[in-house]
Amino acid sequence: MCRNITELRGLEPPATADEVEAAARQYVRKVSGVRHPSPANVEAFEAAVAAVTAATRTLLDALPERRQPPKTVPPLRRPEVQARIAARG
């Protein structure tokens, strides 16, 4: 199992669409072994990300609330990561 995939269940406020998509992208990268898909593979890669994103959202919506929040802060909620994203944009 990829240790870098973030727990999204039980976050307060709930996981955002960006957080769910980032976790799905991380999963697809790990499973496929491809970080940056070639032009020939980008369509299959993005379709897989969309499918995993939808499955993740379905799962999170179906599970009951957690009694305790996750032990780690998701990367997209960390100030240093938000600063890097803002610097790119």
C-alpha atoms as a PDB file:
ATOM      1  CA  MET A   1       0.000   0.000   0.000  1.00  0.00           C
ATOM      2  CA  CYS A   2       1.219   3.457  -0.791  1.00  0.00           C
ATOM      3  CA  ARG A   3       2.040   5.204   2.447  1.00  0.00           C
ATOM      4  CA  ASN A   4       1.525   8.611   0.859  1.00  0.00           C
ATOM      5  CA  ILE A   5      -2.174   8.255   0.147  1.00  0.00           C
ATOM      6  CA  THR A   6      -4.019  10.548   2.509  1.00  0.00           C
ATOM      7  CA  GLU A   7      -6.940   9.561   4.728  1.00  0.00           C
ATOM      8  CA  LEU A   8      -9.884  11.690   3.712  1.00  0.00           C
ATOM      9  CA  ARG A   9     -12.648  10.261   5.873  1.00  0.00           C
ATOM     10  CA  GLY A  10     -13.470  12.290   8.952  1.00  0.00           C
ATOM     11  CA  LEU A  11     -11.887  15.570   7.912  1.00  0.00           C
ATOM     12  CA  GLU A  12     -13.399  18.751   9.279  1.00  0.00           C
ATOM     13  CA  PRO A  13     -14.463  20.407   7.051  1.00  0.00           C
ATOM     14  CA  PRO A  14     -15.107  17.367   4.795  1.00  0.00           C
ATOM     15  CA  ALA A  15     -12.682  16.471   2.021  1.00  0.00           C
ATOM     16  CA  THR A  16     -12.849  18.863  -0.895  1.00  0.00           C
ATOM     17  CA  ALA A  17     -13.167  17.840  -4.531  1.00  0.00           C
ATOM     18  CA  ASP A  18      -9.496  18.835  -4.998  1.00  0.00           C
ATOM     19  CA  GLU A  19      -8.397  16.604  -2.106  1.00  0.00           C
ATOM     20  CA  VAL A  20     -10.368  13.635  -3.438  1.00  0.00           C
ATOM     21  CA  GLU A  21      -8.978  14.143  -6.948  1.00  0.00           C
ATOM     22  CA  ALA A  22      -5.407  14.514  -5.625  1.00  0.00           C
ATOM     23  CA  ALA A  23      -5.703  11.237  -3.696  1.00  0.00           C
ATOM     24  CA  ALA A  24      -7.100   9.504  -6.793  1.00  0.00           C
ATOM     25  CA  ARG A  25      -4.260  10.879  -8.934  1.00  0.00           C
ATOM     26  CA  GLN A  26      -1.739   9.669  -6.352  1.00  0.00           C
ATOM     27  CA  TYR A  27      -3.282   6.191  -6.407  1.00  0.00           C
ATOM     28  CA  VAL A  28      -3.309   5.981 -10.218  1.00  0.00           C
ATOM     29  CA  ARG A  29       0.326   7.138 -10.353  1.00  0.00           C
ATOM     30  CA  LYS A  30       1.338   4.464  -7.857  1.00  0.00           C
ATOM     31  CA  VAL A  31      -0.580   1.631  -9.517  1.00  0.00           C
ATOM     32  CA  SER A  32       0.448   2.545 -13.067  1.00  0.00           C
ATOM     33  CA  GLY A  33       4.054   3.449 -12.273  1.00  0.00           C
ATOM     34  CA  VAL A  34       3.559   6.562 -14.410  1.00  0.00           C
ATOM     35  CA  ARG A  35       4.047  10.013 -12.946  1.00  0.00           C
ATOM     36  CA  HIS A  36       3.681  12.003 -16.165  1.00  0.00           C
ATOM     37  CA  PRO A  37       1.749  10.081 -18.838  1.00  0.00           C
ATOM     38  CA  SER A  38       2.902  10.331 -22.434  1.00  0.00           C
ATOM     39  CA  PRO A  39       0.536  11.912 -24.954  1.00  0.00           C
ATOM     40  CA  ALA A  40      -0.421   8.382 -26.045  1.00  0.00           C
ATOM     41  CA  ASN A  41      -1.430   7.423 -22.487  1.00  0.00           C
ATOM     42  CA  VAL A  42      -2.888  10.653 -21.107  1.00  0.00           C
ATOM     43  CA  GLU A  43      -6.497   9.782 -22.032  1.00  0.00           C
ATOM     44  CA  ALA A  44      -6.383   6.400 -20.243  1.00  0.00           C
ATOM     45  CA  PHE A  45      -4.576   7.957 -17.281  1.00  0.00           C
ATOM     46  CA  GLU A  46      -7.120  10.770 -16.869  1.00  0.00           C
ATOM     47  CA  ALA A  47     -10.039   8.337 -17.303  1.00  0.00           C
ATOM     48  CA  ALA A  48      -8.589   6.227 -14.481  1.00  0.00           C
ATOM     49  CA  VAL A  49      -8.206   9.318 -12.272  1.00  0.00           C
ATOM     50  CA  ALA A  50     -11.841  10.262 -12.936  1.00  0.00           C
ATOM     51  CA  ALA A  51     -13.054   6.734 -12.148  1.00  0.00           C
ATOM     52  CA  VAL A  52     -11.071   6.516  -8.905  1.00  0.00           C
ATOM     53  CA  THR A  53     -12.234  10.017  -7.921  1.00  0.00           C
ATOM     54  CA  ALA A  54     -15.875   9.000  -8.413  1.00  0.00           C
ATOM     55  CA  ALA A  55     -15.396   5.738  -6.504  1.00  0.00           C
ATOM     56  CA  THR A  56     -13.689   7.587  -3.654  1.00  0.00           C
ATOM     57  CA  ARG A  57     -16.490  10.150  -3.396  1.00  0.00           C
ATOM     58  CA  THR A  58     -19.091   7.333  -3.410  1.00  0.00           C
ATOM     59  CA  LEU A  59     -17.229   5.528  -0.649  1.00  0.00           C
ATOM     60  CA  LEU A  60     -16.784   8.637   1.515  1.00  0.00           C
ATOM     61  CA  ASP A  61     -20.465   9.515   1.129  1.00  0.00           C
ATOM     62  CA  ALA A  62     -21.552   5.984   2.124  1.00  0.00           C
ATOM     63  CA  LEU A  63     -19.382   5.566   5.228  1.00  0.00           C
ATOM     64  CA  PRO A  64     -20.579   6.745   8.644  1.00  0.00           C
ATOM     65  CA  GLU A  65     -18.825   9.637  10.357  1.00  0.00           C
ATOM     66  CA  ARG A  66     -15.593   8.878  12.168  1.00  0.00           C
ATOM     67  CA  ARG A  67     -15.339   9.242  15.906  1.00  0.00           C
ATOM     68  CA  GLN A  68     -11.840  10.702  15.651  1.00  0.00           C
ATOM     69  CA  PRO A  69     -10.202  12.725  12.895  1.00  0.00           C
ATOM     70  CA  PRO A  70      -7.313  11.257  10.873  1.00  0.00           C
ATOM     71  CA  LYS A  71      -3.905  11.385  12.568  1.00  0.00           C
ATOM     72  CA  THR A  72      -2.269  13.414   9.810  1.00  0.00           C
ATOM     73  CA  VAL A  73      -3.209  16.633   8.047  1.00  0.00           C
ATOM     74  CA  PRO A  74      -3.889  16.118   4.326  1.00  0.00           C
ATOM     75  CA  PRO A  75      -1.182  17.667   2.145  1.00  0.00           C
ATOM     76  CA  LEU A  76      -3.547  20.140   0.470  1.00  0.00           C
ATOM     77  CA  ARG A  77      -4.376  21.576   3.907  1.00  0.00           C
ATOM     78  CA  ARG A  78      -0.745  22.141   4.902  1.00  0.00           C
ATOM     79  CA  PRO A  79       0.356  25.797   4.695  1.00  0.00           C
ATOM     80  CA  GLU A  80       3.653  25.003   2.942  1.00  0.00           C
ATOM     81  CA  VAL A  81       1.851  23.036   0.222  1.00  0.00           C
ATOM     82  CA  GLN A  82      -0.748  25.754  -0.228  1.00  0.00           C
ATOM     83  CA  ALA A  83       2.085  28.280  -0.582  1.00  0.00           C
ATOM     84  CA  ARG A  84       3.749  26.173  -3.314  1.00  0.00           C
ATOM     85  CA  ILE A  85       0.450  25.851  -5.177  1.00  0.00           C
ATOM     86  CA  ALA A  86      -0.164  29.600  -4.936  1.00  0.00           C
ATOM     87  CA  ALA A  87       3.363  30.320  -6.186  1.00  0.00           C
ATOM     88  CA  ARG A  88       2.728  28.209  -9.317  1.00  0.00           C
ATOM     89  CA  GLY A  89      -0.535  30.016 -10.124  1.00  0.00           C
END
